[in-house]
Amino acid sequence: MKLSLAGWWQVSPLTDLSIPQEDILFPALISSVLPTGLTEEQISAQEWHLMHDIELDEELAAPAVDLVMQGVSHYAEVRVNGVAVFDCMGDLQTMRKDVRPYLQKGRNRFEVLFLEQDEDWLLEEDGLIEEKSVQGEFVGSSLRPVAIQVEPYLHFMRNVRLHNVEVEQVWHHCGGCEVLVRLGYQVHQFGLASARVQFNGISLQLPIDMRNQALTALFQVEAPRMTKEEELGEKLIITIEEHQYEFFIPLGPTQDVMRLEL
């Protein structure tokens, strides 16, 4: 089950306290609810506190609950009921963590703090201070507007939690290749569950063996097209317990085994 955390979120300034508090729905730019006189550069130069409360009751019967956030534009600390659970590094990547131990019946508070980077993210060379980059982007950079570009949500899992994916390619001299997709998962409670794995236009529905912690899907690719440097690759889609995970797999005979952590 998926529970949206789209909003309303309270937006409060931590730097210039004269800026009024506002409420916002995500996905959105923070600037969409702030005074029009503030530029994106001024907003990026300040620290911000975002807060959202929800009520939980029967949903907490699920033994595992992932908090999923994606598209966070700048460095931010994420808290659940006052506990820091992970940092978003401003690279727009998907962040997820099992936050079930921090949730409680009744009101639960989620916070996102857009903060100034710690000093250990700064590199000093030849007397110059430079920002350390993550995947080609400057953490905390003001080159993009402060935003949460994808709807955050809670993912409630009753039986199985997917925790890693391995993709191995076996290329044949006579042409074609095999793509092996290994799913690593954790069993929380026994029950009927299955995984749907889609790749290269083929969809496989595989039963999950609760006695094991892994299963493998095998795809025969008759006429593979090697991925060019500027391309992301072929889309791999995995669906477990009504939740969909998407990855891009570059195809090529020199590709190493890819391990995708969640």
Protein backbone atom coordinates (compact mmCIF):
# COMPACT_ATOMS: atom_id res chain seq x y z
CA MET A 1 0.00 0.00 0.00
CA LYS A 2 1.15 3.52 -0.83
CA LEU A 3 0.28 6.59 1.24
CA SER A 4 0.98 9.97 -0.32
CA LEU A 5 2.85 12.65 1.63
CA ALA A 6 2.14 15.32 -0.98
CA GLY A 7 0.91 17.84 1.55
CA TRP A 8 0.02 20.18 3.05
CA TRP A 9 3.60 20.96 4.22
CA GLN A 10 4.38 24.03 6.29
CA VAL A 11 7.32 26.01 4.90
CA SER A 12 9.24 28.09 7.47
CA PRO A 13 12.40 30.16 7.01
CA LEU A 14 15.39 29.42 9.24
CA THR A 15 17.57 32.32 8.04
CA ASP A 16 15.41 35.37 7.36
CA LEU A 17 12.64 35.07 9.94
CA SER A 18 10.77 38.03 8.45
CA ILE A 19 9.59 35.79 5.60
CA PRO A 20 6.07 34.54 6.44
CA GLN A 21 5.28 30.85 6.88
CA GLU A 22 3.31 29.28 4.04
CA ASP A 23 1.74 25.91 3.14
CA ILE A 24 2.67 23.94 0.03
CA LEU A 25 1.69 20.79 -1.88
CA PHE A 26 4.40 18.69 -3.53
CA PRO A 27 5.75 18.30 -6.15
CA ALA A 28 6.53 22.02 -6.35
CA LEU A 29 9.16 24.75 -6.19
CA ILE A 30 9.47 26.38 -2.77
CA SER A 31 9.31 29.74 -4.52
CA SER A 32 5.73 29.03 -5.65
CA VAL A 33 4.40 29.97 -2.19
CA LEU A 34 6.99 32.58 -1.15
CA PRO A 35 6.82 36.36 -1.70
CA THR A 36 7.39 37.25 -5.35
CA GLY A 37 10.22 39.62 -4.43
CA LEU A 38 12.49 36.69 -3.52
CA THR A 39 14.69 35.40 -6.33
CA GLU A 40 15.66 31.73 -6.71
CA GLU A 41 19.24 32.68 -5.80
CA GLN A 42 18.09 34.33 -2.56
CA ILE A 43 15.95 31.30 -1.69
CA SER A 44 18.84 28.89 -2.38
CA ALA A 45 21.14 30.91 -0.13
CA GLN A 46 18.86 30.42 2.89
CA GLU A 47 17.93 27.49 5.13
CA TRP A 48 14.34 26.19 5.21
CA HIS A 49 12.24 23.94 7.43
CA LEU A 50 9.38 21.89 5.95
CA MET A 51 6.92 20.04 8.19
CA HIS A 52 4.02 17.67 7.49
CA ASP A 53 1.80 15.76 9.98
CA ILE A 54 -0.30 12.67 9.30
CA GLU A 55 -2.40 10.27 11.39
CA LEU A 56 -1.61 6.54 11.31
CA ASP A 57 -3.52 3.64 12.86
CA GLU A 58 -4.32 0.36 11.09
CA GLU A 59 -1.59 0.99 8.52
CA LEU A 60 1.01 0.22 11.20
CA ALA A 61 0.09 -3.47 11.03
CA ALA A 62 2.63 -3.59 8.20
CA PRO A 63 5.99 -4.84 9.54
CA ALA A 64 7.99 -2.65 7.15
CA VAL A 65 7.30 0.92 5.98
CA ASP A 66 9.60 2.68 3.55
CA LEU A 67 9.77 6.46 3.36
CA VAL A 68 10.50 7.27 -0.30
CA MET A 69 11.72 10.67 -1.48
CA GLN A 70 12.93 11.63 -4.93
CA GLY A 71 13.75 14.82 -6.79
CA VAL A 72 15.04 16.78 -3.79
CA SER A 73 17.01 19.58 -5.41
CA HIS A 74 19.44 20.54 -2.62
CA TYR A 75 21.14 18.99 0.38
CA ALA A 76 18.47 18.25 3.00
CA GLU A 77 18.09 16.32 6.26
CA VAL A 78 14.94 14.22 6.56
CA ARG A 79 13.42 13.47 9.99
CA VAL A 80 10.58 11.26 11.20
CA ASN A 81 9.13 12.16 14.62
CA GLY A 82 12.32 14.06 15.42
CA VAL A 83 14.73 11.29 14.35
CA ALA A 84 17.08 11.96 11.42
CA VAL A 85 16.58 9.00 9.03
CA PHE A 86 18.60 10.00 5.94
CA ASP A 87 20.13 12.88 4.03
CA CYS A 88 19.20 13.86 0.50
CA MET A 89 22.37 14.96 -1.27
CA GLY A 90 20.83 17.31 -3.82
CA ASP A 91 21.40 14.92 -6.74
CA LEU A 92 17.66 14.28 -7.36
CA GLN A 93 18.14 10.54 -6.74
CA THR A 94 15.59 8.29 -5.01
CA MET A 95 16.12 7.85 -1.27
CA ARG A 96 14.28 5.21 0.74
CA LYS A 97 14.52 3.76 4.22
CA ASP A 98 12.43 1.54 6.47
CA VAL A 99 11.07 4.01 9.04
CA ARG A 100 8.63 1.62 10.75
CA PRO A 101 10.62 1.75 14.07
CA TYR A 102 10.07 5.53 14.24
CA LEU A 103 6.33 5.56 13.50
CA GLN A 104 3.59 5.51 16.12
CA LYS A 105 -0.17 5.28 16.32
CA GLY A 106 -1.73 8.70 16.09
CA ARG A 107 0.06 11.79 14.84
CA ASN A 108 3.39 11.44 13.05
CA ARG A 109 5.58 14.32 11.93
CA PHE A 110 7.80 14.40 8.84
CA GLU A 111 10.39 17.14 8.42
CA VAL A 112 12.70 18.18 5.60
CA LEU A 113 15.42 20.66 6.51
CA PHE A 114 17.26 22.38 3.68
CA LEU A 115 20.48 23.20 5.51
CA GLU A 116 23.91 24.61 4.80
CA GLN A 117 26.44 21.90 4.05
CA ASP A 118 28.76 20.63 6.75
CA GLU A 119 32.35 21.79 6.46
CA ASP A 120 33.56 18.29 5.59
CA TRP A 121 31.84 18.67 2.22
CA LEU A 122 34.30 21.42 1.38
CA LEU A 123 37.63 20.70 -0.23
CA GLU A 124 40.49 23.13 0.28
CA GLU A 125 43.18 23.08 -2.39
CA ASP A 126 45.83 25.74 -2.93
CA GLY A 127 43.98 28.07 -0.59
CA LEU A 128 40.73 27.84 -2.60
CA ILE A 129 37.47 26.44 -1.23
CA GLU A 130 35.51 24.31 -3.70
CA GLU A 131 32.25 22.42 -3.32
CA LYS A 132 32.44 18.64 -3.56
CA SER A 133 30.27 17.34 -6.39
CA VAL A 134 27.96 14.34 -6.28
CA GLN A 135 27.20 12.65 -9.62
CA GLY A 136 28.07 15.80 -11.52
CA GLU A 137 26.00 18.23 -9.46
CA PHE A 138 27.17 20.59 -6.73
CA VAL A 139 25.57 19.70 -3.42
CA GLY A 140 23.72 22.73 -2.13
CA SER A 141 24.26 24.52 -5.43
CA SER A 142 22.08 27.52 -6.25
CA LEU A 143 22.18 26.61 -9.95
CA ARG A 144 18.68 25.10 -9.63
CA PRO A 145 15.59 26.21 -7.67
CA VAL A 146 14.90 24.72 -4.24
CA ALA A 147 12.24 22.08 -4.83
CA ILE A 148 10.87 18.62 -4.19
CA GLN A 149 10.11 17.53 -7.73
CA VAL A 150 8.43 14.17 -7.05
CA GLU A 151 5.59 13.34 -4.67
CA PRO A 152 6.99 11.80 -1.42
CA TYR A 153 5.18 8.79 0.02
CA LEU A 154 5.13 5.90 2.49
CA HIS A 155 5.24 2.35 1.14
CA PHE A 156 3.67 -0.23 3.49
CA MET A 157 4.94 -3.81 2.99
CA ARG A 158 3.22 -6.79 4.65
CA ASN A 159 5.24 -9.78 3.44
CA VAL A 160 8.38 -8.94 1.47
CA ARG A 161 10.79 -6.04 1.19
CA LEU A 162 13.06 -5.82 -1.87
CA HIS A 163 16.51 -4.64 -0.77
CA ASN A 164 18.86 -5.17 -3.75
CA VAL A 165 18.92 -6.13 -7.42
CA GLU A 166 21.80 -7.67 -9.38
CA VAL A 167 21.91 -7.65 -13.18
CA GLU A 168 24.36 -9.86 -15.08
CA GLN A 169 24.79 -10.00 -18.87
CA VAL A 170 26.03 -13.09 -20.71
CA TRP A 171 26.88 -12.32 -24.36
CA HIS A 172 27.25 -15.11 -26.94
CA HIS A 173 29.71 -15.12 -29.85
CA CYS A 174 26.96 -16.25 -32.22
CA GLY A 175 24.83 -13.24 -31.30
CA GLY A 176 22.29 -12.46 -28.65
CA CYS A 177 22.69 -12.31 -24.91
CA GLU A 178 21.07 -13.42 -21.69
CA VAL A 179 20.22 -10.97 -18.94
CA LEU A 180 19.95 -12.44 -15.45
CA VAL A 181 18.09 -10.34 -12.89
CA ARG A 182 18.54 -11.49 -9.29
CA LEU A 183 16.24 -10.07 -6.66
CA GLY A 184 17.36 -10.02 -3.05
CA TYR A 185 14.55 -9.61 -0.54
CA GLN A 186 13.74 -9.82 3.14
CA VAL A 187 10.72 -11.81 4.34
CA HIS A 188 8.78 -10.06 7.12
CA GLN A 189 5.91 -12.52 7.43
CA PHE A 190 4.79 -15.58 5.49
CA GLY A 191 2.07 -15.27 2.89
CA LEU A 192 1.42 -15.42 -0.84
CA ALA A 193 3.54 -12.94 -2.82
CA SER A 194 4.95 -12.64 -6.31
CA ALA A 195 7.25 -10.39 -8.32
CA ARG A 196 6.63 -9.09 -11.84
CA VAL A 197 9.87 -8.39 -13.71
CA GLN A 198 9.73 -6.55 -17.06
CA PHE A 199 12.66 -6.10 -19.44
CA ASN A 200 13.08 -5.67 -23.19
CA GLY A 201 9.34 -5.97 -23.82
CA ILE A 202 9.02 -9.25 -21.87
CA SER A 203 7.10 -9.57 -18.57
CA LEU A 204 7.67 -12.45 -16.15
CA GLN A 205 5.45 -13.19 -13.15
CA LEU A 206 7.47 -15.11 -10.56
CA PRO A 207 6.27 -16.60 -7.26
CA ILE A 208 8.33 -15.58 -4.23
CA ASP A 209 9.62 -18.47 -2.14
CA MET A 210 9.29 -17.35 1.48
CA ARG A 211 11.93 -19.91 2.53
CA ASN A 212 14.60 -18.13 0.49
CA GLN A 213 15.82 -14.56 0.21
CA ALA A 214 16.48 -14.39 -3.54
CA LEU A 215 15.00 -15.28 -6.93
CA THR A 216 16.26 -14.98 -10.51
CA ALA A 217 14.55 -13.87 -13.71
CA LEU A 218 16.19 -14.84 -17.02
CA PHE A 219 15.64 -12.85 -20.21
CA GLN A 220 16.78 -14.00 -23.67
CA VAL A 221 17.62 -11.00 -25.84
CA GLU A 222 17.83 -12.22 -29.44
CA ALA A 223 19.05 -9.02 -31.12
CA PRO A 224 20.51 -6.80 -28.40
CA ARG A 225 21.36 -3.21 -29.21
CA MET A 226 24.43 -2.01 -27.36
CA THR A 227 23.79 1.11 -25.33
CA LYS A 228 25.56 4.23 -26.56
CA GLU A 229 27.49 6.40 -24.14
CA GLU A 230 24.86 9.14 -24.13
CA GLU A 231 21.98 6.70 -23.52
CA LEU A 232 20.58 5.43 -20.22
CA GLY A 233 19.95 1.87 -21.36
CA GLU A 234 17.00 -0.52 -21.37
CA LYS A 235 14.33 -0.06 -18.71
CA LEU A 236 14.00 -2.73 -16.02
CA ILE A 237 10.73 -2.65 -14.05
CA ILE A 238 10.14 -4.73 -10.91
CA THR A 239 6.78 -4.79 -9.14
CA ILE A 240 6.39 -6.30 -5.66
CA GLU A 241 3.46 -5.72 -3.29
CA GLU A 242 1.91 -3.10 -5.59
CA HIS A 243 5.12 -1.05 -5.63
CA GLN A 244 7.09 -0.45 -8.79
CA TYR A 245 10.87 -0.04 -9.00
CA GLU A 246 12.46 1.27 -12.20
CA PHE A 247 16.09 1.05 -13.33
CA PHE A 248 17.98 1.63 -16.56
CA ILE A 249 20.38 -1.13 -17.63
CA PRO A 250 23.08 -0.28 -20.22
CA LEU A 251 23.66 -3.23 -22.55
CA GLY A 252 27.15 -4.20 -23.71
CA PRO A 253 29.51 -7.20 -23.66
CA THR A 254 31.93 -5.38 -21.35
CA GLN A 255 29.36 -4.50 -18.70
CA ASP A 256 30.18 -5.73 -15.20
CA VAL A 257 27.59 -7.20 -12.87
CA MET A 258 25.42 -4.30 -11.72
CA ARG A 259 24.37 -4.25 -8.06
CA LEU A 260 21.51 -1.86 -7.42
CA GLU A 261 20.91 -1.02 -3.77
CA LEU A 262 17.50 0.27 -2.69
